[in-house]
Amino acid sequence: MKYSPHSEPCPLPFSPFKSCTVPRPIGWISSVSRDGIENIAPYSQWQNLTFDPPMVMFSANRYPDGRRKDTVVNAEEIGWFVWNMATYALREAVNISAMALPPQESEWDRLDVTRDYADNARIPMVRESPCKFECRHIGTHVLKGRSTVGTIDVVFAQVEKIHIDDRVIRADGRLDIQAIQPIARMGYFDYTVVRETFEMRVPGSDADARAGLEGRAEAV
């Protein structure tokens, strides 16, 4: 089976595209509006870009009427947002926060989580989330789609502060991912959870290459 998505209808009842690009980390992003309305929403088109300095991006599809997502507007106007790691224990809160609410309503009021606040700006953070990034907005790039909902705002940011719960740090200084149990987005209405990991090392890699794979700025 093959088809050209730009010129042919999908031969399957559901598009396989999102189910092929899996698993996708979830950008559970909290922000605040100029009017002080606190917002939080999950974005499955989220990724890190580099580690020296750490930079991230997420993209948000527009509404059918062309409106931009509140998170995008807040990030641009305030200049900051927070990424909260989505975990299996927090899955219900993540799902509830995906509701499309009017800008004057806060998703936080519907969640059974605790609010902390970032250091660089008064952005709410999920205390129960074990890992959080305070992100400074760098810029937004618009990619036009074939429809308004297909048009996306790609938001770029630099991570200015990282919060890690000490309880998820192993004795060797690495994060205990199996204890954290991050969740990720699949296709359709499906998610997955990380409960099993394995290690592979690139054969013949030198010290600089190993440092890059580990996320170090310099070899040691």
N, C-alpha and C. Protein backbone atom coordinates (compact mmCIF):
# COMPACT_ATOMS: atom_id res chain seq x y z
N MET A 1 0.85 -1.18 0.00
CA MET A 1 0.00 0.00 0.00
C MET A 1 0.88 1.23 0.00
N LYS A 2 0.60 2.17 -0.90
CA LYS A 2 1.29 3.45 -0.90
C LYS A 2 0.37 4.51 -1.51
N TYR A 3 0.60 5.74 -1.10
CA TYR A 3 -0.20 6.84 -1.65
C TYR A 3 0.54 8.15 -1.45
N SER A 4 0.19 9.17 -2.21
CA SER A 4 0.77 10.50 -2.10
C SER A 4 -0.20 11.39 -1.33
N PRO A 5 0.11 11.73 -0.09
CA PRO A 5 -0.86 12.45 0.74
C PRO A 5 -1.23 13.83 0.23
N HIS A 6 -0.40 14.42 -0.64
CA HIS A 6 -0.71 15.75 -1.16
C HIS A 6 -1.69 15.70 -2.34
N SER A 7 -1.82 14.54 -2.98
CA SER A 7 -2.65 14.48 -4.19
C SER A 7 -3.63 13.32 -4.21
N GLU A 8 -3.53 12.39 -3.27
CA GLU A 8 -4.42 11.23 -3.27
C GLU A 8 -5.08 11.07 -1.92
N PRO A 9 -6.32 10.59 -1.89
CA PRO A 9 -6.96 10.31 -0.61
C PRO A 9 -6.30 9.11 0.06
N CYS A 10 -6.31 9.10 1.37
CA CYS A 10 -5.73 7.97 2.10
C CYS A 10 -6.58 6.72 1.86
N PRO A 11 -5.96 5.61 1.46
CA PRO A 11 -6.73 4.39 1.20
C PRO A 11 -7.20 3.68 2.47
N LEU A 12 -6.73 4.12 3.62
CA LEU A 12 -7.15 3.52 4.89
C LEU A 12 -8.21 4.40 5.54
N PRO A 13 -9.02 3.83 6.41
CA PRO A 13 -10.05 4.65 7.07
C PRO A 13 -9.48 5.72 8.00
N PHE A 14 -8.25 5.50 8.50
CA PHE A 14 -7.57 6.47 9.35
C PHE A 14 -6.16 6.68 8.81
N SER A 15 -5.70 7.91 8.79
CA SER A 15 -4.36 8.19 8.28
C SER A 15 -3.30 7.50 9.13
N PRO A 16 -2.33 6.83 8.49
CA PRO A 16 -1.28 6.14 9.24
C PRO A 16 -0.14 7.07 9.65
N PHE A 17 -0.17 8.34 9.20
CA PHE A 17 0.99 9.21 9.39
C PHE A 17 1.40 9.34 10.85
N LYS A 18 0.47 9.72 11.72
CA LYS A 18 0.83 9.91 13.13
C LYS A 18 1.19 8.60 13.81
N SER A 19 0.66 7.49 13.30
CA SER A 19 0.99 6.20 13.90
C SER A 19 2.34 5.68 13.44
N CYS A 20 2.93 6.32 12.45
CA CYS A 20 4.28 5.95 12.01
C CYS A 20 5.35 6.76 12.76
N THR A 21 5.03 8.01 13.06
CA THR A 21 5.99 8.86 13.77
C THR A 21 5.74 8.73 15.27
N VAL A 22 6.18 7.59 15.81
CA VAL A 22 5.92 7.28 17.22
C VAL A 22 7.16 6.66 17.85
N PRO A 23 7.26 6.72 19.19
CA PRO A 23 6.42 7.52 20.08
C PRO A 23 6.88 8.98 20.08
N ARG A 24 5.96 9.89 20.34
CA ARG A 24 6.29 11.31 20.35
C ARG A 24 6.23 11.83 21.79
N PRO A 25 7.32 12.47 22.27
CA PRO A 25 7.27 13.04 23.63
C PRO A 25 6.20 14.12 23.71
N ILE A 26 5.63 14.27 24.88
CA ILE A 26 4.54 15.21 25.08
C ILE A 26 5.07 16.51 25.67
N GLY A 27 4.76 17.61 25.00
CA GLY A 27 5.08 18.92 25.55
C GLY A 27 3.91 19.39 26.40
N TRP A 28 3.94 19.07 27.70
CA TRP A 28 2.87 19.51 28.61
C TRP A 28 3.26 20.90 29.07
N ILE A 29 2.72 21.90 28.41
CA ILE A 29 3.24 23.26 28.51
C ILE A 29 2.29 24.15 29.30
N SER A 30 2.85 24.80 30.30
CA SER A 30 2.10 25.76 31.09
C SER A 30 2.56 27.17 30.74
N SER A 31 1.60 28.10 30.79
CA SER A 31 1.88 29.48 30.41
C SER A 31 0.89 30.38 31.12
N VAL A 32 1.03 31.68 30.92
CA VAL A 32 0.10 32.64 31.51
C VAL A 32 -0.14 33.76 30.50
N SER A 33 -1.35 34.28 30.47
CA SER A 33 -1.70 35.34 29.53
C SER A 33 -1.37 36.71 30.12
N ARG A 34 -1.45 37.73 29.29
CA ARG A 34 -1.22 39.10 29.76
C ARG A 34 -2.24 39.48 30.82
N ASP A 35 -3.43 38.85 30.78
CA ASP A 35 -4.48 39.13 31.76
C ASP A 35 -4.35 38.28 33.02
N GLY A 36 -3.29 37.44 33.08
CA GLY A 36 -3.06 36.62 34.26
C GLY A 36 -3.79 35.29 34.27
N ILE A 37 -4.39 34.89 33.14
CA ILE A 37 -5.07 33.59 33.07
C ILE A 37 -4.01 32.51 32.89
N GLU A 38 -4.00 31.54 33.80
CA GLU A 38 -3.00 30.47 33.76
C GLU A 38 -3.49 29.33 32.87
N ASN A 39 -2.62 28.88 31.99
CA ASN A 39 -2.98 27.90 30.97
C ASN A 39 -2.05 26.71 31.05
N ILE A 40 -2.57 25.54 30.72
CA ILE A 40 -1.71 24.36 30.57
C ILE A 40 -2.35 23.44 29.54
N ALA A 41 -1.54 22.91 28.62
CA ALA A 41 -2.06 22.06 27.55
C ALA A 41 -0.95 21.15 27.04
N PRO A 42 -1.31 19.94 26.57
CA PRO A 42 -0.31 19.02 26.02
C PRO A 42 -0.16 19.18 24.51
N TYR A 43 1.08 19.11 24.05
CA TYR A 43 1.39 19.17 22.61
C TYR A 43 2.28 17.98 22.28
N SER A 44 1.83 17.17 21.31
CA SER A 44 2.59 15.96 20.98
C SER A 44 3.64 16.23 19.91
N GLN A 45 3.69 17.44 19.40
CA GLN A 45 4.73 17.81 18.44
C GLN A 45 5.73 18.69 19.17
N TRP A 46 6.52 18.03 20.01
CA TRP A 46 7.47 18.68 20.92
C TRP A 46 8.80 17.95 20.82
N GLN A 47 9.91 18.70 20.92
CA GLN A 47 11.21 18.03 20.81
C GLN A 47 12.32 18.95 21.32
N ASN A 48 13.43 18.33 21.74
CA ASN A 48 14.63 19.13 22.03
C ASN A 48 15.37 19.35 20.72
N LEU A 49 16.12 20.46 20.63
CA LEU A 49 16.84 20.81 19.42
C LEU A 49 18.34 20.64 19.58
N THR A 50 18.87 21.05 20.70
CA THR A 50 20.30 20.93 21.00
C THR A 50 20.47 21.00 22.50
N PHE A 51 21.70 20.73 22.97
CA PHE A 51 21.91 20.69 24.42
C PHE A 51 22.94 21.72 24.90
N ASP A 52 23.58 22.46 23.99
CA ASP A 52 24.62 23.40 24.40
C ASP A 52 24.48 24.72 23.66
N PRO A 53 23.62 25.65 24.10
CA PRO A 53 22.72 25.54 25.28
C PRO A 53 21.48 24.74 24.94
N PRO A 54 20.77 24.24 25.95
CA PRO A 54 19.57 23.47 25.67
C PRO A 54 18.47 24.32 25.04
N MET A 55 17.97 23.86 23.90
CA MET A 55 16.89 24.54 23.20
C MET A 55 15.80 23.52 22.85
N VAL A 56 14.57 24.00 22.77
CA VAL A 56 13.43 23.12 22.50
C VAL A 56 12.50 23.78 21.49
N MET A 57 11.56 23.00 21.00
CA MET A 57 10.54 23.52 20.09
C MET A 57 9.24 22.75 20.28
N PHE A 58 8.13 23.40 19.96
CA PHE A 58 6.87 22.68 19.83
C PHE A 58 6.07 23.37 18.73
N SER A 59 5.19 22.61 18.11
CA SER A 59 4.33 23.20 17.07
C SER A 59 2.88 22.99 17.46
N ALA A 60 2.09 23.99 17.15
CA ALA A 60 0.68 23.98 17.52
C ALA A 60 -0.17 24.25 16.29
N ASN A 61 -1.04 23.30 15.94
CA ASN A 61 -1.98 23.51 14.85
C ASN A 61 -2.99 24.59 15.23
N ARG A 62 -3.41 25.36 14.25
CA ARG A 62 -4.40 26.40 14.51
C ARG A 62 -5.81 25.82 14.54
N TYR A 63 -6.74 26.59 15.08
CA TYR A 63 -8.13 26.17 15.09
C TYR A 63 -8.72 26.30 13.68
N PRO A 64 -9.81 25.61 13.41
CA PRO A 64 -10.42 25.70 12.07
C PRO A 64 -10.75 27.12 11.63
N ASP A 65 -11.03 28.02 12.59
CA ASP A 65 -11.34 29.40 12.22
C ASP A 65 -10.09 30.27 12.11
N GLY A 66 -8.91 29.64 12.24
CA GLY A 66 -7.66 30.37 12.07
C GLY A 66 -7.04 30.90 13.34
N ARG A 67 -7.74 30.79 14.47
CA ARG A 67 -7.18 31.28 15.73
C ARG A 67 -5.95 30.48 16.14
N ARG A 68 -5.00 31.16 16.77
CA ARG A 68 -3.82 30.49 17.29
C ARG A 68 -4.09 29.95 18.70
N LYS A 69 -3.35 28.93 19.09
CA LYS A 69 -3.52 28.35 20.42
C LYS A 69 -3.07 29.35 21.49
N ASP A 70 -3.75 29.28 22.64
CA ASP A 70 -3.43 30.20 23.74
C ASP A 70 -1.97 30.08 24.16
N THR A 71 -1.43 28.87 24.14
CA THR A 71 -0.04 28.66 24.56
C THR A 71 0.93 29.46 23.70
N VAL A 72 0.68 29.48 22.40
CA VAL A 72 1.54 30.22 21.47
C VAL A 72 1.47 31.71 21.76
N VAL A 73 0.27 32.22 21.90
CA VAL A 73 0.08 33.65 22.17
C VAL A 73 0.73 34.02 23.49
N ASN A 74 0.52 33.21 24.52
CA ASN A 74 1.10 33.50 25.83
C ASN A 74 2.63 33.49 25.79
N ALA A 75 3.20 32.51 25.10
CA ALA A 75 4.66 32.41 25.01
C ALA A 75 5.24 33.66 24.35
N GLU A 76 4.58 34.14 23.32
CA GLU A 76 5.06 35.32 22.61
C GLU A 76 4.89 36.58 23.45
N GLU A 77 3.75 36.75 24.09
CA GLU A 77 3.46 37.98 24.81
C GLU A 77 4.19 38.08 26.14
N ILE A 78 4.32 36.96 26.85
CA ILE A 78 5.00 36.96 28.15
C ILE A 78 6.48 36.69 27.99
N GLY A 79 6.82 35.89 26.96
CA GLY A 79 8.23 35.58 26.72
C GLY A 79 8.73 34.34 27.41
N TRP A 80 7.84 33.63 28.12
CA TRP A 80 8.24 32.44 28.87
C TRP A 80 7.13 31.40 28.84
N PHE A 81 7.52 30.13 28.98
CA PHE A 81 6.59 29.05 29.27
C PHE A 81 7.35 27.96 30.00
N VAL A 82 6.64 26.99 30.54
CA VAL A 82 7.26 25.88 31.28
C VAL A 82 6.83 24.56 30.66
N TRP A 83 7.81 23.69 30.44
CA TRP A 83 7.52 22.31 30.05
C TRP A 83 7.50 21.45 31.30
N ASN A 84 6.42 20.68 31.47
CA ASN A 84 6.27 19.74 32.58
C ASN A 84 6.28 18.33 32.02
N MET A 85 7.12 17.45 32.54
CA MET A 85 7.15 16.09 32.02
C MET A 85 5.84 15.38 32.32
N ALA A 86 5.24 14.78 31.31
CA ALA A 86 4.00 14.03 31.46
C ALA A 86 4.34 12.59 31.83
N THR A 87 3.79 12.11 32.92
CA THR A 87 4.07 10.76 33.40
C THR A 87 2.79 9.94 33.48
N TYR A 88 2.98 8.65 33.67
CA TYR A 88 1.81 7.76 33.75
C TYR A 88 0.92 8.14 34.93
N ALA A 89 1.54 8.52 36.05
CA ALA A 89 0.76 8.90 37.22
C ALA A 89 -0.07 10.16 36.97
N LEU A 90 0.37 11.00 36.03
CA LEU A 90 -0.31 12.27 35.74
C LEU A 90 -1.15 12.21 34.47
N ARG A 91 -1.36 11.01 33.92
CA ARG A 91 -1.99 10.87 32.61
C ARG A 91 -3.39 11.47 32.56
N GLU A 92 -4.17 11.33 33.63
CA GLU A 92 -5.53 11.86 33.61
C GLU A 92 -5.52 13.38 33.59
N ALA A 93 -4.60 13.99 34.33
CA ALA A 93 -4.49 15.45 34.33
C ALA A 93 -4.05 15.94 32.96
N VAL A 94 -3.13 15.22 32.33
CA VAL A 94 -2.68 15.59 30.98
C VAL A 94 -3.86 15.57 30.02
N ASN A 95 -4.68 14.54 30.11
CA ASN A 95 -5.82 14.39 29.20
C ASN A 95 -6.86 15.49 29.43
N ILE A 96 -7.15 15.80 30.67
CA ILE A 96 -8.12 16.85 30.97
C ILE A 96 -7.64 18.19 30.47
N SER A 97 -6.33 18.44 30.59
CA SER A 97 -5.78 19.73 30.17
C SER A 97 -5.81 19.92 28.66
N ALA A 98 -6.11 18.87 27.91
CA ALA A 98 -6.21 18.97 26.46
C ALA A 98 -7.55 19.55 26.01
N MET A 99 -8.47 19.76 26.93
CA MET A 99 -9.78 20.30 26.57
C MET A 99 -9.63 21.69 25.95
N ALA A 100 -10.44 21.95 24.94
CA ALA A 100 -10.43 23.26 24.28
C ALA A 100 -11.35 24.20 25.06
N LEU A 101 -10.76 25.04 25.91
CA LEU A 101 -11.52 25.97 26.72
C LEU A 101 -11.37 27.39 26.18
N PRO A 102 -12.32 28.26 26.46
CA PRO A 102 -12.17 29.67 26.07
C PRO A 102 -10.95 30.27 26.75
N PRO A 103 -10.34 31.30 26.14
CA PRO A 103 -9.11 31.88 26.70
C PRO A 103 -9.27 32.39 28.13
N GLN A 104 -10.49 32.78 28.52
CA GLN A 104 -10.69 33.33 29.85
C GLN A 104 -10.86 32.26 30.93
N GLU A 105 -10.85 30.99 30.53
CA GLU A 105 -10.95 29.90 31.49
C GLU A 105 -9.59 29.21 31.64
N SER A 106 -9.29 28.78 32.85
CA SER A 106 -8.01 28.13 33.14
C SER A 106 -8.18 26.62 33.29
N GLU A 107 -7.40 25.87 32.55
CA GLU A 107 -7.40 24.39 32.68
C GLU A 107 -6.98 23.96 34.08
N TRP A 108 -6.17 24.78 34.72
CA TRP A 108 -5.68 24.43 36.05
C TRP A 108 -6.82 24.22 37.04
N ASP A 109 -7.91 24.94 36.87
CA ASP A 109 -9.03 24.83 37.81
C ASP A 109 -9.71 23.48 37.73
N ARG A 110 -9.43 22.72 36.67
CA ARG A 110 -10.05 21.40 36.50
C ARG A 110 -9.10 20.25 36.88
N LEU A 111 -7.87 20.58 37.26
CA LEU A 111 -6.86 19.56 37.51
C LEU A 111 -6.65 19.34 39.00
N ASP A 112 -6.40 18.09 39.37
CA ASP A 112 -6.08 17.75 40.75
C ASP A 112 -4.56 17.66 40.90
N VAL A 113 -3.89 18.79 40.69
CA VAL A 113 -2.44 18.87 40.83
C VAL A 113 -2.11 20.13 41.63
N THR A 114 -0.85 20.20 42.07
CA THR A 114 -0.39 21.33 42.88
C THR A 114 0.38 22.31 42.01
N ARG A 115 0.12 23.60 42.19
CA ARG A 115 0.82 24.63 41.45
C ARG A 115 2.03 25.14 42.21
N ASP A 116 3.19 25.10 41.55
CA ASP A 116 4.36 25.85 41.97
C ASP A 116 4.58 26.93 40.91
N TYR A 117 5.55 27.82 41.15
CA TYR A 117 5.79 28.87 40.17
C TYR A 117 7.27 28.94 39.80
N ALA A 118 7.50 29.23 38.53
CA ALA A 118 8.85 29.29 38.00
C ALA A 118 9.61 30.46 38.60
N ASP A 119 10.93 30.41 38.48
CA ASP A 119 11.78 31.46 39.04
C ASP A 119 11.90 32.67 38.13
N ASN A 120 11.94 32.44 36.80
CA ASN A 120 12.19 33.53 35.88
C ASN A 120 10.96 34.37 35.57
N ALA A 121 9.79 33.79 35.64
CA ALA A 121 8.54 34.50 35.43
C ALA A 121 7.47 33.75 36.21
N ARG A 122 6.38 34.42 36.52
CA ARG A 122 5.35 33.77 37.34
C ARG A 122 4.49 32.85 36.47
N ILE A 123 5.13 31.75 36.05
CA ILE A 123 4.46 30.73 35.25
C ILE A 123 4.18 29.53 36.15
N PRO A 124 2.95 29.01 36.17
CA PRO A 124 2.66 27.86 37.03
C PRO A 124 3.35 26.60 36.52
N MET A 125 3.77 25.75 37.46
CA MET A 125 4.39 24.47 37.15
C MET A 125 3.66 23.38 37.94
N VAL A 126 3.66 22.17 37.40
CA VAL A 126 3.03 21.03 38.09
C VAL A 126 4.03 20.45 39.08
N ARG A 127 3.77 20.64 40.37
CA ARG A 127 4.70 20.15 41.38
C ARG A 127 4.92 18.65 41.28
N GLU A 128 3.86 17.90 40.95
CA GLU A 128 3.97 16.44 40.90
C GLU A 128 4.76 15.95 39.69
N SER A 129 5.01 16.79 38.73
CA SER A 129 5.83 16.39 37.58
C SER A 129 7.30 16.39 38.00
N PRO A 130 8.04 15.31 37.74
CA PRO A 130 9.41 15.19 38.27
C PRO A 130 10.44 16.04 37.55
N CYS A 131 10.15 16.49 36.33
CA CYS A 131 11.13 17.25 35.55
C CYS A 131 10.42 18.42 34.87
N LYS A 132 11.01 19.61 35.00
CA LYS A 132 10.39 20.80 34.43
C LYS A 132 11.47 21.71 33.84
N PHE A 133 11.15 22.35 32.73
CA PHE A 133 12.05 23.31 32.08
C PHE A 133 11.39 24.69 32.07
N GLU A 134 12.12 25.70 32.51
CA GLU A 134 11.69 27.07 32.31
C GLU A 134 12.25 27.53 30.97
N CYS A 135 11.37 27.87 30.04
CA CYS A 135 11.76 28.12 28.65
C CYS A 135 11.52 29.58 28.27
N ARG A 136 12.55 30.21 27.71
CA ARG A 136 12.46 31.59 27.24
C ARG A 136 12.18 31.59 25.74
N HIS A 137 11.11 32.23 25.35
CA HIS A 137 10.71 32.26 23.94
C HIS A 137 11.76 32.95 23.09
N ILE A 138 12.17 32.30 22.00
CA ILE A 138 13.14 32.87 21.06
C ILE A 138 12.43 33.40 19.82
N GLY A 139 11.51 32.62 19.28
CA GLY A 139 10.83 33.05 18.07
C GLY A 139 9.77 32.04 17.66
N THR A 140 8.90 32.46 16.75
CA THR A 140 7.84 31.61 16.22
C THR A 140 7.89 31.65 14.71
N HIS A 141 7.81 30.47 14.11
CA HIS A 141 7.82 30.37 12.65
C HIS A 141 6.50 29.75 12.21
N VAL A 142 5.84 30.36 11.25
CA VAL A 142 4.55 29.87 10.76
C VAL A 142 4.75 29.05 9.49
N LEU A 143 4.20 27.84 9.50
CA LEU A 143 4.21 26.98 8.32
C LEU A 143 2.77 26.84 7.83
N LYS A 144 2.50 27.31 6.62
CA LYS A 144 1.15 27.28 6.09
C LYS A 144 0.76 25.86 5.69
N GLY A 145 -0.45 25.46 6.05
CA GLY A 145 -0.98 24.18 5.65
C GLY A 145 -1.98 24.34 4.53
N ARG A 146 -2.57 23.23 4.13
CA ARG A 146 -3.60 23.28 3.08
C ARG A 146 -4.93 23.77 3.64
N SER A 147 -5.02 23.87 4.95
CA SER A 147 -6.22 24.36 5.60
C SER A 147 -5.79 25.17 6.81
N THR A 148 -6.73 25.86 7.44
CA THR A 148 -6.36 26.63 8.63
C THR A 148 -5.90 25.70 9.76
N VAL A 149 -6.57 24.56 9.93
CA VAL A 149 -6.15 23.64 10.98
C VAL A 149 -4.83 22.96 10.64
N GLY A 150 -4.47 22.93 9.38
CA GLY A 150 -3.19 22.37 8.98
C GLY A 150 -2.04 23.34 9.10
N THR A 151 -2.34 24.61 9.31
CA THR A 151 -1.31 25.62 9.52
C THR A 151 -0.79 25.53 10.95
N ILE A 152 0.53 25.62 11.11
CA ILE A 152 1.11 25.47 12.44
C ILE A 152 1.99 26.66 12.80
N ASP A 153 2.03 26.93 14.10
CA ASP A 153 2.98 27.87 14.68
C ASP A 153 4.07 27.04 15.36
N VAL A 154 5.30 27.16 14.87
CA VAL A 154 6.42 26.43 15.45
C VAL A 154 7.15 27.37 16.40
N VAL A 155 7.14 27.04 17.67
CA VAL A 155 7.69 27.91 18.71
C VAL A 155 9.06 27.38 19.14
N PHE A 156 10.05 28.26 19.14
CA PHE A 156 11.40 27.92 19.55
C PHE A 156 11.74 28.61 20.86
N ALA A 157 12.44 27.91 21.74
CA ALA A 157 12.76 28.49 23.05
C ALA A 157 14.09 27.94 23.56
N GLN A 158 14.69 28.69 24.47
CA GLN A 158 15.91 28.26 25.14
C GLN A 158 15.58 27.93 26.60
N VAL A 159 16.08 26.80 27.07
CA VAL A 159 15.81 26.37 28.44
C VAL A 159 16.76 27.13 29.38
N GLU A 160 16.18 27.94 30.26
CA GLU A 160 16.98 28.77 31.15
C GLU A 160 17.12 28.18 32.55
N LYS A 161 16.21 27.30 32.93
CA LYS A 161 16.34 26.63 34.23
C LYS A 161 15.69 25.26 34.16
N ILE A 162 16.34 24.27 34.77
CA ILE A 162 15.86 22.90 34.79
C ILE A 162 15.58 22.49 36.23
N HIS A 163 14.40 21.95 36.48
CA HIS A 163 14.00 21.46 37.80
C HIS A 163 13.90 19.94 37.75
N ILE A 164 14.58 19.26 38.66
CA ILE A 164 14.53 17.79 38.74
C ILE A 164 14.22 17.40 40.17
N ASP A 165 13.23 16.54 40.35
CA ASP A 165 12.92 16.00 41.67
C ASP A 165 14.05 15.06 42.09
N ASP A 166 14.65 15.32 43.24
CA ASP A 166 15.79 14.50 43.70
C ASP A 166 15.45 13.02 43.79
N ARG A 167 14.19 12.70 43.98
CA ARG A 167 13.80 11.30 44.16
C ARG A 167 13.93 10.48 42.90
N VAL A 168 14.05 11.12 41.74
CA VAL A 168 14.17 10.36 40.50
C VAL A 168 15.60 10.36 39.97
N ILE A 169 16.55 10.82 40.79
CA ILE A 169 17.97 10.80 40.40
C ILE A 169 18.63 9.57 41.02
N ARG A 170 19.21 8.74 40.18
CA ARG A 170 19.86 7.52 40.64
C ARG A 170 21.19 7.84 41.32
N ALA A 171 21.77 6.85 41.97
CA ALA A 171 23.04 7.04 42.66
C ALA A 171 24.16 7.42 41.71
N ASP A 172 24.07 6.98 40.43
CA ASP A 172 25.11 7.31 39.46
C ASP A 172 24.90 8.66 38.78
N GLY A 173 23.87 9.40 39.23
CA GLY A 173 23.62 10.73 38.69
C GLY A 173 22.72 10.77 37.48
N ARG A 174 22.23 9.63 37.02
CA ARG A 174 21.31 9.60 35.88
C ARG A 174 19.87 9.58 36.36
N LEU A 175 18.97 10.00 35.47
CA LEU A 175 17.55 9.95 35.81
C LEU A 175 17.05 8.50 35.78
N ASP A 176 16.19 8.17 36.72
CA ASP A 176 15.59 6.84 36.78
C ASP A 176 14.32 6.85 35.94
N ILE A 177 14.49 6.67 34.65
CA ILE A 177 13.36 6.77 33.72
C ILE A 177 12.31 5.70 34.00
N GLN A 178 12.73 4.51 34.39
CA GLN A 178 11.76 3.46 34.67
C GLN A 178 10.89 3.79 35.87
N ALA A 179 11.45 4.54 36.82
CA ALA A 179 10.65 4.98 37.97
C ALA A 179 9.75 6.15 37.60
N ILE A 180 10.22 7.02 36.71
CA ILE A 180 9.43 8.17 36.29
C ILE A 180 8.23 7.75 35.45
N GLN A 181 8.43 6.78 34.56
CA GLN A 181 7.40 6.30 33.65
C GLN A 181 6.79 7.44 32.81
N PRO A 182 7.61 8.08 31.96
CA PRO A 182 7.07 9.11 31.06
C PRO A 182 6.07 8.48 30.10
N ILE A 183 5.08 9.26 29.69
CA ILE A 183 4.16 8.80 28.66
C ILE A 183 4.46 9.53 27.35
N ALA A 184 4.07 8.92 26.26
CA ALA A 184 4.31 9.49 24.94
C ALA A 184 3.08 9.28 24.07
N ARG A 185 2.95 10.10 23.07
CA ARG A 185 1.79 10.06 22.18
C ARG A 185 2.02 9.09 21.03
N MET A 186 1.03 8.32 20.72
CA MET A 186 1.04 7.45 19.56
C MET A 186 0.07 8.04 18.53
N GLY A 187 -0.51 7.20 17.68
CA GLY A 187 -1.54 7.65 16.76
C GLY A 187 -2.92 7.42 17.34
N TYR A 188 -3.94 7.89 16.60
CA TYR A 188 -5.33 7.68 17.00
C TYR A 188 -5.56 8.25 18.41
N PHE A 189 -6.09 7.46 19.32
CA PHE A 189 -6.26 7.90 20.70
C PHE A 189 -5.28 7.17 21.63
N ASP A 190 -4.20 6.66 21.08
CA ASP A 190 -3.30 5.79 21.81
C ASP A 190 -2.10 6.53 22.39
N TYR A 191 -1.67 6.07 23.56
CA TYR A 191 -0.46 6.54 24.23
C TYR A 191 0.38 5.33 24.59
N THR A 192 1.61 5.58 25.00
CA THR A 192 2.46 4.51 25.52
C THR A 192 3.20 5.04 26.74
N VAL A 193 3.80 4.12 27.49
CA VAL A 193 4.53 4.50 28.70
C VAL A 193 5.88 3.80 28.69
N VAL A 194 6.92 4.50 29.13
CA VAL A 194 8.27 3.93 29.17
C VAL A 194 8.44 3.18 30.49
N ARG A 195 8.50 1.87 30.40
CA ARG A 195 8.75 1.03 31.58
C ARG A 195 9.97 0.14 31.39
N GLU A 196 10.50 0.11 30.17
CA GLU A 196 11.65 -0.74 29.88
C GLU A 196 12.63 0.05 29.02
N THR A 197 13.90 0.00 29.37
CA THR A 197 14.94 0.68 28.60
C THR A 197 16.10 -0.29 28.35
N PHE A 198 16.90 0.00 27.33
CA PHE A 198 18.11 -0.76 27.08
C PHE A 198 19.16 0.19 26.55
N GLU A 199 20.42 -0.21 26.68
CA GLU A 199 21.53 0.66 26.30
C GLU A 199 22.27 0.09 25.10
N MET A 200 22.66 0.97 24.17
CA MET A 200 23.54 0.61 23.07
C MET A 200 24.57 1.72 22.93
N ARG A 201 25.82 1.34 22.72
CA ARG A 201 26.90 2.30 22.53
C ARG A 201 27.44 2.17 21.12
N VAL A 202 27.67 3.30 20.47
CA VAL A 202 28.13 3.31 19.09
C VAL A 202 29.54 2.74 19.02
N PRO A 203 29.77 1.72 18.22
CA PRO A 203 31.12 1.13 18.11
C PRO A 203 32.13 2.15 17.58
N GLY A 204 33.29 2.19 18.23
CA GLY A 204 34.39 3.02 17.76
C GLY A 204 34.23 4.50 18.00
N SER A 205 33.22 4.93 18.75
CA SER A 205 33.04 6.37 18.98
C SER A 205 34.13 6.89 19.91
N ASP A 206 34.64 8.08 19.58
CA ASP A 206 35.70 8.66 20.40
C ASP A 206 35.10 9.43 21.58
N ALA A 207 35.96 10.05 22.37
CA ALA A 207 35.51 10.72 23.59
C ALA A 207 34.55 11.86 23.28
N ASP A 208 34.82 12.63 22.23
CA ASP A 208 33.94 13.74 21.88
C ASP A 208 32.57 13.24 21.46
N ALA A 209 32.54 12.17 20.67
CA ALA A 209 31.26 11.61 20.23
C ALA A 209 30.47 11.07 21.42
N ARG A 210 31.17 10.38 22.32
CA ARG A 210 30.49 9.85 23.50
C ARG A 210 29.93 10.97 24.36
N ALA A 211 30.69 12.07 24.48
CA ALA A 211 30.22 13.21 25.26
C ALA A 211 28.95 13.77 24.67
N GLY A 212 28.91 13.88 23.33
CA GLY A 212 27.72 14.39 22.68
C GLY A 212 26.52 13.50 22.89
N LEU A 213 26.71 12.20 22.80
CA LEU A 213 25.62 11.26 23.00
C LEU A 213 25.11 11.30 24.43
N GLU A 214 26.00 11.58 25.38
CA GLU A 214 25.60 11.67 26.78
C GLU A 214 24.99 13.03 27.11
N GLY A 215 25.16 14.01 26.21
CA GLY A 215 24.63 15.34 26.47
C GLY A 215 25.60 16.26 27.16
N ARG A 216 26.89 15.90 27.14
CA ARG A 216 27.90 16.77 27.73
C ARG A 216 28.37 17.79 26.69
N ALA A 217 28.70 18.98 27.15
CA ALA A 217 29.22 19.99 26.24
C ALA A 217 30.64 19.68 25.81
N GLU A 218 31.41 19.03 26.70
CA GLU A 218 32.80 18.70 26.40
C GLU A 218 33.09 17.29 26.87
N ALA A 219 34.07 16.66 26.22
CA ALA A 219 34.50 15.32 26.63
C ALA A 219 35.21 15.41 27.98
N VAL A 220 35.11 14.34 28.76
CA VAL A 220 35.81 14.28 30.04
C VAL A 220 36.68 13.03 30.07
